[in-house]
Amino acid sequence: MKLLTKAWTFLEEVLAGVFFSIGILLIFYGVVMRYVMNDPQAWVEEVARYTIIWGVFLGFGLALKHNQHIQVDILYDKLNNTGKFIMNLIATGLSIVFCLIYTYYGYVLVENRFASGMVSLDVGIPMWIVYLILPLSGVLFLLRFIERLVNILRRKGEEYANPLN
């Protein structure tokens, strides 16, 4: 199981990094072509935008794994250990519900874009491919929240139910 988790994390890191890197390289290429070579490439901005978006959405799960999402912990810090456990449980449960809804409607959007045959303006990329990151990232995010829930429940009797361990 630990091997699977390590492989999953590695895959998320590599894919997010690859998409970000491609996006940055494309932006650099676009700047050089526009301002140095005086030959702007219309497709560069569009493809760079899509690759960076994919990198961000693939990074959601990693941010959750390392607890790097935005948090408001004014109330949380004032709770005792039982309160923190309950708060972690409720927040994770609500997040799982959100991920299910997000994934479902992402799938519906992809299905609609596929049926409509929409393509991007400059490059002609089918828009269903662009939007495919929504249900894909939703599933990855959902799996991270399920992992978090298991960790919370596993540590129920401990002094502090830290979902990261």
Foldseek 3Di string as FASTA:
>chain_A
DVVVVVVLLVVLVVQLVVLQVLLVVLVVVQCCCCPVVVHGDPCSVVSSVLSNVLSVLSCLLVCLLVVNDDDDCPVVVVDFQLVVLVVLLVVLVVVLVVLVVQLVVLVVVLVVQVVVQDADDRPRHRVSVSSVSRNVSSVSNNVSSVQLNVQSVVCVPPRHSHSND
